[in-house]
């Protein structure tokens, strides 16, 4: 078949692709007519008109399935050859003569036609690539012109090649004003010039944040601050041919940060002058953000150390941390705290926030050690008075009542032997006197101070449980575990009094049937708990509950302990008093109970209780 005057039908499911292919084929002089179609109906109409020398099918966007297209073409005479065009994975195009669409005699595809077809396809591909490049360049130009970050392109001598509008506005000029001018002729700075040169020499990007800069031609702007980055640019041989400088004005942000830092320094300078204990703690990670000078003189340097390491001399976080509760509740709290050296502090904790650091706690404490010593002296006087009163009740009034009880019982017996009508009255009198003896004993027991010189706290609590069961007619048990020795008299006495007052409160107000006293040492904490199965004291007498709780809290604070009240596991109430081991150890030299003399055996303690 001659090549002149070829009639070509282009079939593609994409109208744009069909038109592009037809337009490129028409540029070849060997092709007389090219028609593009992109629908099944148009394909039927075109094939019906006949006269086509070739049908070119777009394999990427077929109008119909290949088999169906072959059938449609093969139904007509003469048979028209079908060429399928498709893209190759590595780029470019391939043309395949479709088998089954028969190339009869005189319909051989000449090399020149195939060459023309391939050239047309290549031009289409190049056009697409050029369009994509053009669109990319256009997009980059828009970004370059409109992005808020200031951008400049410089050559290796640091002359401006071009700048975007944001960069120009940062220097109060138009973009074209910078072109051709040298960066360091406009903004001389030896340090910055050395940095630029290093990027060129090493082909390594460089970034710096909040770098201060002063415009010599605009002194009224003062010191400004910029985040900037230098990226090396490369030519076709991968050699550095320039620099891309991008800068971001962070002046307002940095000035605000510096102002906040100055306020922080002023605050901390005031806190440093306070004589009390002042600390800023982050409970979440135990970081000690600040410790005033007065506290550092007591606790040592806090640099790089966690709060529990500095303040409590611990290797792990504190079991009871008031700062965590302050941060959790978002409300101020106050508590008493005893340092490892034995100094007592009354502490206020306040939610505290700094720029970028939420959830901190500001703790301020005053040393109340002298006040605590005076309280101990007063407590000692009160104990002595209680001891004297209890002794008087037991030895004087108690003995007198015991004698009266014996006499009244003997009198009642004699009268009964004589069948005297007064014998009944005498027996009632003996019962009343006996009851008075029991009440006197209970009162003497209630006000008498603890005697822990022999046997220590554990034996004292065991005796307390036995006496409670005998005198107050309530089942009372004592349990202990671990090393529970307490060698400090004051701590042992306060723990004993806490147990006794909790027992008395429970018996008087909640009517329990069972009370359990527990003393346990776990890791670095000594814990005393009193659990009852009675009613909730707040439901029986709320005012009395508050008064009793204040007294218990006061006793706990006097020894640096924490006190918690909560519902018991079997109903009723459980009061738990926890004393850190370092407090017990730090006060050993103040006086001892356990170990000062040989401890009583349990049998000896019980015999003395009898």
Protein backbone atom coordinates (compact mmCIF):
# COMPACT_ATOMS: atom_id res chain seq x y z
CA UNK A 1 0.00 0.00 0.00
CA UNK A 2 1.43 3.41 -0.87
CA UNK A 3 2.14 5.71 2.05
CA UNK A 4 0.76 8.86 0.39
CA UNK A 5 -2.75 9.74 1.38
CA UNK A 6 -3.07 7.39 4.35
CA UNK A 7 -6.37 7.55 6.23
CA UNK A 8 -5.86 6.98 10.00
CA UNK A 9 -8.53 6.49 12.68
CA UNK A 10 -7.37 7.19 16.27
CA UNK A 11 -9.44 5.53 19.00
CA UNK A 12 -8.93 6.53 22.66
CA UNK A 13 -11.18 6.55 25.69
CA UNK A 14 -9.54 9.85 26.65
CA UNK A 15 -10.64 12.68 24.39
CA UNK A 16 -7.52 14.69 25.22
CA UNK A 17 -5.22 11.80 24.42
CA UNK A 18 -7.01 11.04 21.10
CA UNK A 19 -6.85 14.65 20.00
CA UNK A 20 -3.18 14.99 20.94
CA UNK A 21 -2.26 11.83 19.03
CA UNK A 22 -4.27 12.95 15.96
CA UNK A 23 -2.71 16.41 16.01
CA UNK A 24 0.80 15.00 16.08
CA UNK A 25 0.11 12.50 13.29
CA UNK A 26 -1.24 15.26 11.05
CA UNK A 27 2.16 16.92 11.20
CA UNK A 28 3.52 14.01 9.13
CA UNK A 29 3.12 14.67 5.37
CA UNK A 30 2.64 10.97 4.55
CA UNK A 31 -0.73 10.97 6.33
CA UNK A 32 -3.61 12.60 4.48
CA UNK A 33 -6.37 12.34 7.06
CA UNK A 34 -6.48 11.68 10.79
CA UNK A 35 -9.70 11.40 12.76
CA UNK A 36 -9.95 11.03 16.53
CA UNK A 37 -12.84 9.45 18.34
CA UNK A 38 -13.40 8.72 22.05
CA UNK A 39 -16.75 6.91 22.25
CA UNK A 40 -18.24 3.58 21.21
CA UNK A 41 -20.96 5.23 19.08
CA UNK A 42 -18.42 7.35 17.21
CA UNK A 43 -16.30 4.25 16.62
CA UNK A 44 -19.24 2.38 15.02
CA UNK A 45 -20.05 5.36 12.79
CA UNK A 46 -16.43 5.80 11.68
CA UNK A 47 -15.97 2.12 10.88
CA UNK A 48 -19.26 2.15 8.96
CA UNK A 49 -18.09 4.97 6.71
CA UNK A 50 -15.03 2.86 5.71
CA UNK A 51 -11.97 4.02 3.83
CA UNK A 52 -9.51 3.68 6.74
CA UNK A 53 -6.03 2.40 6.16
CA UNK A 54 -5.13 2.00 9.84
CA UNK A 55 -6.89 1.99 13.20
CA UNK A 56 -4.72 3.12 16.09
CA UNK A 57 -6.01 2.00 19.51
CA UNK A 58 -4.85 3.65 22.77
CA UNK A 59 -3.95 0.70 24.98
CA UNK A 60 -3.93 2.92 28.09
CA UNK A 61 -7.50 4.20 27.62
CA UNK A 62 -9.43 1.79 25.35
CA UNK A 63 -12.90 2.67 24.12
CA UNK A 64 -13.84 -1.01 23.98
CA UNK A 65 -12.13 -4.20 25.03
CA UNK A 66 -9.42 -5.30 22.54
CA UNK A 67 -11.31 -8.47 21.52
CA UNK A 68 -14.46 -6.48 20.82
CA UNK A 69 -12.54 -3.92 18.78
CA UNK A 70 -11.01 -6.71 16.67
CA UNK A 71 -14.45 -8.13 16.00
CA UNK A 72 -15.81 -4.75 14.95
CA UNK A 73 -12.90 -4.15 12.54
CA UNK A 74 -12.86 -7.74 11.21
CA UNK A 75 -16.53 -7.57 10.23
CA UNK A 76 -15.71 -5.16 7.40
CA UNK A 77 -13.94 -5.56 4.09
CA UNK A 78 -11.29 -4.87 3.35
CA UNK A 79 -9.77 -5.81 6.68
CA UNK A 80 -8.21 -2.80 8.39
CA UNK A 81 -5.01 -3.39 10.40
CA UNK A 82 -5.16 -2.35 14.06
CA UNK A 83 -2.14 -0.98 15.91
CA UNK A 84 -2.15 -0.85 19.72
CA UNK A 85 -0.14 1.90 21.37
CA UNK A 86 0.84 1.62 25.02
CA UNK A 87 3.38 3.16 27.41
CA UNK A 88 6.38 1.20 28.60
CA UNK A 89 7.24 1.04 32.36
CA UNK A 90 10.65 2.62 31.82
CA UNK A 91 9.24 5.50 29.77
CA UNK A 92 8.50 5.94 26.05
CA UNK A 93 5.97 4.06 23.94
CA UNK A 94 5.65 0.78 22.08
CA UNK A 95 3.52 -0.02 19.04
CA UNK A 96 2.15 -3.52 18.56
CA UNK A 97 0.32 -4.90 15.56
CA UNK A 98 -2.77 -6.53 16.99
CA UNK A 99 -3.12 -10.16 15.97
CA UNK A 100 -6.51 -11.18 14.78
CA UNK A 101 -7.25 -7.82 13.15
CA UNK A 102 -5.63 -9.27 10.06
CA UNK A 103 -3.20 -7.54 7.82
CA UNK A 104 -4.17 -8.67 4.38
CA UNK A 105 -2.19 -8.28 1.18
CA UNK A 106 -1.36 -4.68 0.56
CA UNK A 107 -1.85 -3.78 4.25
CA UNK A 108 1.65 -4.20 5.51
CA UNK A 109 2.73 -1.51 7.95
CA UNK A 110 5.66 0.31 6.46
CA UNK A 111 8.64 1.25 8.65
CA UNK A 112 8.17 4.90 7.75
CA UNK A 113 4.63 4.88 9.11
CA UNK A 114 5.70 3.19 12.31
CA UNK A 115 8.50 5.73 12.64
CA UNK A 116 6.06 8.58 12.12
CA UNK A 117 3.74 7.09 14.71
CA UNK A 118 6.53 6.68 17.26
CA UNK A 119 7.79 10.22 16.65
CA UNK A 120 4.27 11.54 17.17
CA UNK A 121 4.00 9.65 20.44
CA UNK A 122 7.40 10.94 21.58
CA UNK A 123 6.33 14.51 20.85
CA UNK A 124 3.17 13.95 22.87
CA UNK A 125 5.19 12.61 25.82
CA UNK A 126 7.69 15.47 25.62
CA UNK A 127 4.84 17.93 25.54
CA UNK A 128 3.36 16.38 28.63
CA UNK A 129 6.69 16.46 30.44
CA UNK A 130 7.31 20.05 29.41
CA UNK A 131 3.85 20.95 30.64
CA UNK A 132 4.52 19.25 33.96
CA UNK A 133 7.84 21.06 34.29
CA UNK A 134 6.19 24.34 33.40
CA UNK A 135 3.46 23.77 35.98
CA UNK A 136 6.08 22.85 38.60
CA UNK A 137 8.08 25.97 37.85
CA UNK A 138 4.93 28.06 38.01
CA UNK A 139 4.03 26.51 41.36
CA UNK A 140 7.53 27.13 42.73
CA UNK A 141 7.39 30.72 41.53
CA UNK A 142 4.10 31.22 43.31
CA UNK A 143 5.46 29.68 46.47
CA UNK A 144 8.64 31.72 46.23
CA UNK A 145 6.64 34.92 45.79
CA UNK A 146 3.93 34.31 48.40
CA UNK A 147 5.45 32.22 51.18
CA UNK A 148 5.72 34.15 54.45
CA UNK A 149 9.30 32.94 55.03
CA UNK A 150 11.94 35.29 53.65
CA UNK A 151 14.01 33.55 50.94
CA UNK A 152 17.07 34.70 49.02
CA UNK A 153 19.27 33.06 46.39
CA UNK A 154 22.95 34.06 46.45
CA UNK A 155 25.97 33.10 44.39
CA UNK A 156 29.18 31.78 45.92
CA UNK A 157 30.43 35.36 46.38
CA UNK A 158 27.26 36.05 48.38
CA UNK A 159 25.76 38.42 45.83
CA UNK A 160 21.97 38.40 45.65
CA UNK A 161 20.63 36.59 42.58
CA UNK A 162 17.00 37.02 43.56
CA UNK A 163 14.86 37.44 46.67
CA UNK A 164 11.18 36.93 47.36
CA UNK A 165 8.84 39.64 48.54
CA UNK A 166 8.95 38.53 52.18
CA UNK A 167 12.74 38.93 52.20
CA UNK A 168 12.53 42.31 50.52
CA UNK A 169 9.93 43.55 53.00
CA UNK A 170 12.08 42.41 55.91
CA UNK A 171 14.70 44.89 54.71
CA UNK A 172 12.12 47.54 53.77
CA UNK A 173 12.96 47.40 50.02
CA UNK A 174 11.54 46.04 46.77
CA UNK A 175 12.76 42.62 45.54
CA UNK A 176 14.63 44.05 42.56
CA UNK A 177 16.63 46.39 44.76
CA UNK A 178 18.69 43.50 46.17
CA UNK A 179 19.69 41.84 42.88
CA UNK A 180 23.43 42.15 42.23
CA UNK A 181 24.23 43.62 45.63
CA UNK A 182 26.51 41.80 48.07
CA UNK A 183 24.87 40.48 51.24
CA UNK A 184 27.72 41.51 53.52
CA UNK A 185 28.12 44.89 51.89
CA UNK A 186 24.55 45.54 53.02
CA UNK A 187 24.74 43.65 56.32
CA UNK A 188 28.38 43.41 57.43
CA UNK A 189 28.92 40.68 60.01
CA UNK A 190 32.16 38.70 60.22
CA UNK A 191 30.61 35.84 62.18
CA UNK A 192 27.78 35.37 59.67
CA UNK A 193 30.14 35.67 56.71
CA UNK A 194 32.30 32.90 58.15
CA UNK A 195 29.20 30.71 58.48
CA UNK A 196 28.19 31.38 54.86
CA UNK A 197 31.70 30.53 53.67
CA UNK A 198 31.74 27.31 55.66
CA UNK A 199 28.54 26.13 53.96
CA UNK A 200 30.10 26.82 50.54
CA UNK A 201 33.39 25.12 51.45
CA UNK A 202 31.92 22.06 53.17
CA UNK A 203 28.72 21.69 51.11
CA UNK A 204 26.89 21.21 54.42
CA UNK A 205 23.59 22.92 55.37
CA UNK A 206 23.48 25.10 58.47
CA UNK A 207 20.59 26.12 60.74
CA UNK A 208 20.46 28.46 63.71
CA UNK A 209 17.51 29.58 65.86
CA UNK A 210 16.68 33.02 67.28
CA UNK A 211 19.96 34.58 66.10
CA UNK A 212 20.10 38.27 67.08
CA UNK A 213 20.63 40.83 64.32
CA UNK A 214 20.69 44.63 64.20
CA UNK A 215 19.91 46.58 61.01
CA UNK A 216 22.57 49.28 60.80
CA UNK A 217 20.41 51.39 58.52
CA UNK A 218 17.36 50.95 60.77
CA UNK A 219 18.57 51.40 64.37
CA UNK A 220 15.03 52.15 65.54
CA UNK A 221 14.15 48.45 65.12
CA UNK A 222 16.59 47.53 67.86
CA UNK A 223 17.80 43.96 68.14
CA UNK A 224 15.78 41.57 66.01
CA UNK A 225 15.82 37.76 66.13
CA UNK A 226 15.75 35.31 63.24
CA UNK A 227 15.60 31.57 62.61
CA UNK A 228 17.63 31.00 59.47
CA UNK A 229 18.86 28.15 57.32
CA UNK A 230 21.56 27.98 54.62
CA UNK A 231 21.27 25.29 51.94
CA UNK A 232 23.99 24.83 49.28
CA UNK A 233 22.82 24.89 45.63
CA UNK A 234 24.46 22.70 42.97
CA UNK A 235 25.11 22.95 39.23
CA UNK A 236 24.90 20.15 36.64
CA UNK A 237 28.26 18.79 37.82
CA UNK A 238 27.07 18.73 41.44
CA UNK A 239 29.42 21.53 42.46
CA UNK A 240 28.24 24.24 44.85
CA UNK A 241 27.10 27.19 42.73
CA UNK A 242 25.23 29.24 45.28
CA UNK A 243 23.26 29.37 48.51
CA UNK A 244 19.58 29.33 49.40
CA UNK A 245 19.03 31.51 52.47
CA UNK A 246 15.69 31.21 54.27
CA UNK A 247 14.98 33.34 57.32
CA UNK A 248 11.99 33.67 59.64
CA UNK A 249 11.42 36.69 61.83
CA UNK A 250 10.90 35.47 65.42
CA UNK A 251 11.56 38.82 67.07
CA UNK A 252 8.23 39.11 68.88
CA UNK A 253 8.36 35.52 70.11
CA UNK A 254 11.93 35.88 71.35
CA UNK A 255 11.27 39.23 73.00
CA UNK A 256 8.29 37.69 74.80
CA UNK A 257 10.46 34.77 75.91
CA UNK A 258 13.18 37.09 77.16
CA UNK A 259 10.62 39.20 79.00
CA UNK A 260 9.21 36.08 80.67
CA UNK A 261 12.73 35.02 81.57
CA UNK A 262 13.41 38.40 83.16
CA UNK A 263 10.18 38.13 85.17
CA UNK A 264 11.19 34.63 86.22
CA UNK A 265 14.59 35.88 87.35
CA UNK A 266 12.95 38.68 89.34
CA UNK A 267 10.59 36.21 90.99
CA UNK A 268 13.39 33.81 91.83
CA UNK A 269 15.56 36.62 93.16
CA UNK A 270 12.78 37.42 95.63
CA UNK A 271 12.32 33.74 96.52
CA UNK A 272 16.07 33.43 97.05
CA UNK A 273 15.91 36.12 99.72
CA UNK A 274 13.20 34.37 101.72
CA UNK A 275 14.50 32.61 104.83
CA UNK A 276 12.14 29.66 104.50
CA UNK A 277 12.15 26.57 102.36
CA UNK A 278 11.17 27.36 98.74
CA UNK A 279 11.15 24.88 95.86
CA UNK A 280 9.55 24.52 92.42
CA UNK A 281 8.79 20.88 91.73
CA UNK A 282 7.42 19.05 88.69
CA UNK A 283 5.55 16.08 90.23
CA UNK A 284 5.19 14.31 86.87
CA UNK A 285 8.94 13.75 86.43
CA UNK A 286 10.19 14.76 89.92
CA UNK A 287 12.38 17.51 88.48
CA UNK A 288 13.46 20.19 90.92
CA UNK A 289 13.25 23.36 88.87
CA UNK A 290 14.28 25.73 91.65
CA UNK A 291 15.58 25.60 95.19
CA UNK A 292 16.28 28.85 97.01
CA UNK A 293 19.63 29.60 98.59
CA UNK A 294 18.43 29.06 102.15
CA UNK A 295 17.25 25.59 101.22
CA UNK A 296 20.46 24.77 99.33
CA UNK A 297 22.42 25.55 102.48
CA UNK A 298 20.37 22.85 104.23
CA UNK A 299 19.84 20.27 101.50
CA UNK A 300 22.85 20.90 99.24
CA UNK A 301 23.17 21.66 95.54
CA UNK A 302 20.12 20.59 93.53
CA UNK A 303 21.71 20.70 90.07
CA UNK A 304 20.75 17.67 87.99
CA UNK A 305 19.11 15.91 90.94
CA UNK A 306 15.48 14.89 91.47
CA UNK A 307 13.34 16.29 94.26
CA UNK A 308 13.25 13.11 96.36
CA UNK A 309 17.04 12.77 96.07
CA UNK A 310 17.63 16.29 97.38
CA UNK A 311 14.86 16.80 99.92
CA UNK A 312 14.22 13.30 101.25
CA UNK A 313 17.62 11.70 100.49
CA UNK A 314 15.85 8.82 98.79
CA UNK A 315 16.72 6.76 95.75
CA UNK A 316 13.07 6.34 94.74
CA UNK A 317 10.04 8.62 94.73
CA UNK A 318 8.26 9.27 98.02
CA UNK A 319 5.42 6.96 98.95
CA UNK A 320 3.25 9.93 99.97
CA UNK A 321 3.75 13.03 97.79
CA UNK A 322 1.65 16.07 98.62
CA UNK A 323 2.91 17.91 95.51
CA UNK A 324 1.23 15.31 93.28
CA UNK A 325 -2.10 16.03 94.98
CA UNK A 326 -1.65 19.79 94.54
CA UNK A 327 -0.98 19.34 90.81
CA UNK A 328 -3.89 16.91 90.46
CA UNK A 329 -6.46 19.07 92.28
CA UNK A 330 -5.17 22.40 90.97
CA UNK A 331 -5.73 23.89 94.44
CA UNK A 332 -3.38 25.00 97.24
CA UNK A 333 -2.71 22.63 100.12
CA UNK A 334 -0.75 22.80 103.34
CA UNK A 335 0.93 20.11 105.38
CA UNK A 336 3.69 19.44 107.87
CA UNK A 337 6.88 17.78 106.73
CA UNK A 338 9.97 16.56 108.56
CA UNK A 339 13.30 16.56 106.74
CA UNK A 340 15.82 13.70 106.98
CA UNK A 341 17.82 15.88 109.38
CA UNK A 342 14.83 16.04 111.71
CA UNK A 343 13.85 19.65 110.98
CA UNK A 344 10.08 20.23 110.94
CA UNK A 345 8.46 22.46 108.32
CA UNK A 346 4.94 23.71 107.75
CA UNK A 347 4.58 23.71 103.98
CA UNK A 348 2.18 25.45 101.60
CA UNK A 349 1.90 24.07 98.09
CA UNK A 350 0.54 26.15 95.18
CA UNK A 351 -0.13 25.24 91.52
CA UNK A 352 2.58 26.97 89.50
CA UNK A 353 3.08 27.42 85.77
CA UNK A 354 5.96 28.79 83.74
CA UNK A 355 6.22 29.30 80.00
CA UNK A 356 6.26 25.84 78.48
CA UNK A 357 6.07 24.07 81.84
CA UNK A 358 2.60 23.30 83.17
CA UNK A 359 1.75 21.16 86.17
CA UNK A 360 4.46 22.48 88.45
CA UNK A 361 4.09 23.11 92.19
CA UNK A 362 5.59 25.94 94.20
CA UNK A 363 6.31 24.81 97.76
CA UNK A 364 6.99 27.31 100.53
CA UNK A 365 7.75 26.12 104.03
CA UNK A 366 8.69 27.67 107.33
CA UNK A 367 10.81 25.92 109.93
CA UNK A 368 8.60 25.05 112.89
CA UNK A 369 11.15 22.91 114.69
CA UNK A 370 11.25 25.26 117.68
CA UNK A 371 7.46 25.29 117.79
CA UNK A 372 7.46 21.52 117.58
CA UNK A 373 9.95 21.31 120.47
CA UNK A 374 7.72 23.55 122.56
CA UNK A 375 4.74 21.38 121.70
CA UNK A 376 6.70 18.35 122.82
CA UNK A 377 7.53 20.07 126.10
CA UNK A 378 3.87 20.98 126.61
CA UNK A 379 2.93 17.45 125.66
CA UNK A 380 5.39 16.16 128.24
CA UNK A 381 3.83 18.32 130.93
CA UNK A 382 0.36 17.14 129.92
CA UNK A 383 1.51 13.54 129.97
CA UNK A 384 2.93 14.01 133.47
CA UNK A 385 -0.36 15.54 134.63
CA UNK A 386 -2.31 12.70 133.04
CA UNK A 387 -0.04 10.18 134.65
CA UNK A 388 -0.55 11.76 138.06
CA UNK A 389 -4.31 11.94 137.58
CA UNK A 390 -4.46 8.36 136.41
CA UNK A 391 -2.32 7.24 139.33
CA UNK A 392 -4.58 9.09 141.76
CA UNK A 393 -7.67 7.50 140.24
CA UNK A 394 -6.15 4.06 140.40
CA UNK A 395 -4.31 4.21 143.74
CA UNK A 396 -6.55 6.55 145.76
CA UNK A 397 -10.10 6.66 144.51
CA UNK A 398 -9.84 3.22 142.96
CA UNK A 399 -8.60 1.61 146.18
CA UNK A 400 -11.22 3.41 148.26
CA UNK A 401 -13.98 2.27 145.95
CA UNK A 402 -12.57 -1.25 145.98
CA UNK A 403 -12.74 -1.24 149.79
CA UNK A 404 -16.27 0.09 149.72
CA UNK A 405 -17.19 -2.61 147.22
CA UNK A 406 -15.81 -5.32 149.48
CA UNK A 407 -17.58 -3.93 152.56
CA UNK A 408 -20.89 -3.51 150.78
CA UNK A 409 -20.66 -7.05 149.41
CA UNK A 410 -19.91 -8.43 152.91
CA UNK A 411 -22.77 -6.41 154.39
CA UNK A 412 -25.17 -7.66 151.75
CA UNK A 413 -24.12 -11.24 152.46
CA UNK A 414 -24.67 -10.91 156.25
CA UNK A 415 -28.05 -9.33 155.81
CA UNK A 416 -29.03 -12.06 153.43
CA UNK A 417 -28.00 -14.71 155.97
CA UNK A 418 -30.27 -13.03 158.51
CA UNK A 419 -33.11 -12.82 156.04
CA UNK A 420 -33.14 -9.11 156.63
CA UNK A 421 -35.45 -7.11 154.37
CA UNK A 422 -32.55 -4.64 153.82
CA UNK A 423 -30.42 -7.34 152.18
CA UNK A 424 -31.86 -6.52 148.73
CA UNK A 425 -30.92 -2.86 149.10
CA UNK A 426 -27.46 -3.82 150.30
CA UNK A 427 -26.94 -6.05 147.26
CA UNK A 428 -27.99 -3.20 144.93
CA UNK A 429 -25.53 -0.92 146.73
CA UNK A 430 -22.73 -3.48 146.28
CA UNK A 431 -23.49 -3.69 142.54
CA UNK A 432 -23.41 0.09 142.17
CA UNK A 433 -20.08 0.31 144.00
CA UNK A 434 -18.66 -2.52 141.86
CA UNK A 435 -19.78 -0.70 138.74
CA UNK A 436 -18.07 2.47 140.03
CA UNK A 437 -14.85 0.48 140.48
CA UNK A 438 -15.00 -0.68 136.86
CA UNK A 439 -15.69 2.84 135.59
CA UNK A 440 -12.83 4.23 137.65
CA UNK A 441 -10.48 1.65 136.20
CA UNK A 442 -11.64 2.48 132.65
CA UNK A 443 -11.20 6.20 133.28
CA UNK A 444 -7.74 5.67 134.74
CA UNK A 445 -6.86 3.58 131.70
CA UNK A 446 -8.21 6.22 129.30
CA UNK A 447 -6.21 9.14 130.71
CA UNK A 448 -3.03 7.34 131.74
CA UNK A 449 -0.14 7.93 129.30
CA UNK A 450 1.56 5.06 127.57
CA UNK A 451 4.41 3.35 129.39
CA UNK A 452 6.78 2.14 126.67
CA UNK A 453 10.06 2.09 128.53
CA UNK A 454 9.91 -1.69 128.71
CA UNK A 455 8.92 -3.66 125.63
CA UNK A 456 8.59 -0.86 123.07
CA UNK A 457 5.76 0.16 120.78
CA UNK A 458 4.78 -3.31 119.60
CA UNK A 459 4.34 -4.67 123.12
CA UNK A 460 2.51 -1.49 124.12
CA UNK A 461 0.05 -1.82 121.26
CA UNK A 462 -0.48 -5.51 122.04
CA UNK A 463 -1.24 -4.54 125.66
CA UNK A 464 -3.57 -1.78 124.40
CA UNK A 465 -5.55 -4.30 122.36
CA UNK A 466 -5.89 -6.60 125.39
CA UNK A 467 -6.96 -3.79 127.72
CA UNK A 468 -9.46 -2.47 125.15
CA UNK A 469 -11.04 -5.88 124.92
CA UNK A 470 -11.19 -6.25 128.72
CA UNK A 471 -12.22 -2.77 129.81
CA UNK A 472 -14.32 -1.61 126.83
CA UNK A 473 -15.92 -4.98 126.04
CA UNK A 474 -14.97 -4.92 122.31
CA UNK A 475 -13.11 -7.65 120.45
CA UNK A 476 -9.72 -6.12 119.68
CA UNK A 477 -6.77 -7.79 117.91
CA UNK A 478 -3.18 -6.77 117.23
CA UNK A 479 -1.11 -7.82 114.19
CA UNK A 480 2.47 -6.94 113.24
CA UNK A 481 4.87 -7.71 110.40
CA UNK A 482 8.42 -6.73 109.55
CA UNK A 483 10.95 -4.88 111.70
CA UNK A 484 8.72 -2.54 113.73
CA UNK A 485 11.15 -1.34 116.39
CA UNK A 486 10.92 2.42 117.10
CA UNK A 487 13.77 3.69 119.26
CA UNK A 488 12.53 7.26 119.58
CA UNK A 489 10.29 7.82 122.61
CA UNK A 490 8.41 10.77 121.12
CA UNK A 491 7.54 8.94 117.90
CA UNK A 492 6.58 5.74 119.74
CA UNK A 493 4.41 7.69 122.20
CA UNK A 494 2.59 9.62 119.48
CA UNK A 495 1.91 6.45 117.47
CA UNK A 496 0.56 4.80 120.60
CA UNK A 497 -1.66 7.81 121.36
CA UNK A 498 -2.95 7.85 117.77
CA UNK A 499 -3.91 4.19 118.10
CA UNK A 500 -5.54 4.71 121.49
CA UNK A 501 -7.52 7.80 120.45
CA UNK A 502 -8.67 6.09 117.25
CA UNK A 503 -9.81 3.10 119.34
CA UNK A 504 -11.62 5.30 121.85
CA UNK A 505 -13.35 7.28 119.09
CA UNK A 506 -14.48 4.10 117.36
CA UNK A 507 -15.83 2.52 120.56
CA UNK A 508 -17.67 5.65 121.70
CA UNK A 509 -19.21 6.70 118.37
CA UNK A 510 -19.41 3.79 115.89
CA UNK A 511 -20.30 0.76 118.08
CA UNK A 512 -17.95 -1.72 116.41
CA UNK A 513 -17.92 -5.44 117.15
CA UNK A 514 -14.29 -5.90 116.08
CA UNK A 515 -11.19 -3.67 115.90
CA UNK A 516 -7.82 -4.61 114.41
CA UNK A 517 -4.57 -2.76 115.15
CA UNK A 518 -1.78 -3.39 112.62
CA UNK A 519 1.86 -2.31 112.78
CA UNK A 520 3.99 -3.07 109.72
CA UNK A 521 7.31 -2.08 108.17
CA UNK A 522 7.43 -2.19 104.37
CA UNK A 523 10.51 -0.96 102.48
CA UNK A 524 11.08 2.54 103.85
CA UNK A 525 7.78 3.17 105.62
CA UNK A 526 6.42 2.25 109.06
CA UNK A 527 2.63 2.00 108.93
CA UNK A 528 0.14 1.92 111.80
CA UNK A 529 -3.50 1.21 110.94
CA UNK A 530 -6.65 0.94 113.05
CA UNK A 531 -9.60 -0.72 111.34
CA UNK A 532 -13.11 -1.16 112.78
CA UNK A 533 -16.36 -2.60 111.44
CA UNK A 534 -18.67 -0.04 113.04
CA UNK A 535 -20.78 2.75 111.58
CA UNK A 536 -19.40 5.82 109.80
CA UNK A 537 -18.56 8.33 112.52
CA UNK A 538 -19.51 11.23 110.25
CA UNK A 539 -23.06 9.84 110.11
CA UNK A 540 -23.27 9.60 113.91
CA UNK A 541 -21.55 12.83 115.01
CA UNK A 542 -20.00 14.97 112.29
CA UNK A 543 -18.69 17.68 114.64
CA UNK A 544 -17.04 15.10 116.88
CA UNK A 545 -15.55 13.39 113.83
CA UNK A 546 -13.93 16.63 112.70
CA UNK A 547 -12.57 17.35 116.18
CA UNK A 548 -11.14 13.85 116.59
CA UNK A 549 -9.62 13.96 113.13
CA UNK A 550 -7.90 17.31 113.82
CA UNK A 551 -6.37 15.85 116.97
CA UNK A 552 -5.11 12.79 115.13
CA UNK A 553 -3.71 14.95 112.29
CA UNK A 554 -1.93 17.13 114.84
CA UNK A 555 -0.32 14.15 116.52
CA UNK A 556 0.80 12.77 113.15
CA UNK A 557 2.25 16.12 112.09
CA UNK A 558 4.28 16.31 115.28
CA UNK A 559 6.31 13.29 114.14
CA UNK A 560 6.37 14.09 110.41
CA UNK A 561 3.86 11.36 109.57
CA UNK A 562 0.98 11.33 107.12
CA UNK A 563 -2.54 10.36 108.17
CA UNK A 564 -5.26 8.96 105.92
CA UNK A 565 -8.83 7.99 106.80
CA UNK A 566 -10.97 5.91 104.48
CA UNK A 567 -13.72 3.28 104.53
CA UNK A 568 -12.49 -0.11 105.70
CA UNK A 569 -12.53 -3.20 103.47
CA UNK A 570 -15.24 -4.77 105.66
CA UNK A 571 -17.18 -1.59 106.36
CA UNK A 572 -16.50 0.85 109.14
CA UNK A 573 -13.41 3.07 109.07
CA UNK A 574 -9.68 2.53 108.64
CA UNK A 575 -7.18 5.12 109.91
CA UNK A 576 -3.63 4.75 108.56
CA UNK A 577 -0.61 6.63 109.88
CA UNK A 578 2.63 6.33 107.86
CA UNK A 579 6.07 7.43 109.08
CA UNK A 580 9.04 7.50 106.65
CA UNK A 581 11.96 5.45 107.91
CA UNK A 582 14.41 8.32 107.54
CA UNK A 583 12.45 10.29 110.16
CA UNK A 584 12.66 7.39 112.61
CA UNK A 585 16.40 6.95 111.94
CA UNK A 586 17.16 10.68 112.14
CA UNK A 587 15.63 10.91 115.61
CA UNK A 588 17.26 7.87 117.16
CA UNK A 589 19.66 10.05 119.13
CA UNK A 590 16.80 11.95 120.77
CA UNK A 591 15.89 9.05 123.00
CA UNK A 592 15.04 5.39 122.71
CA UNK A 593 12.51 2.90 123.92
CA UNK A 594 13.04 -0.30 121.93
CA UNK A 595 16.40 -1.77 122.66
CA UNK A 596 17.18 0.55 125.59
CA UNK A 597 16.43 -2.27 127.96
CA UNK A 598 15.66 -5.86 127.20
CA UNK A 599 12.15 -6.08 125.77
CA UNK A 600 9.40 -7.83 127.65
CA UNK A 601 8.08 -11.07 126.37
CA UNK A 602 4.46 -11.18 125.32
CA UNK A 603 3.60 -13.25 128.42
CA UNK A 604 5.29 -10.73 130.72
CA UNK A 605 3.42 -7.87 129.06
CA UNK A 606 0.11 -9.67 129.49
CA UNK A 607 0.84 -10.50 133.13
CA UNK A 608 1.55 -6.83 133.83
CA UNK A 609 -1.65 -5.85 132.06
CA UNK A 610 -3.52 -8.18 134.41
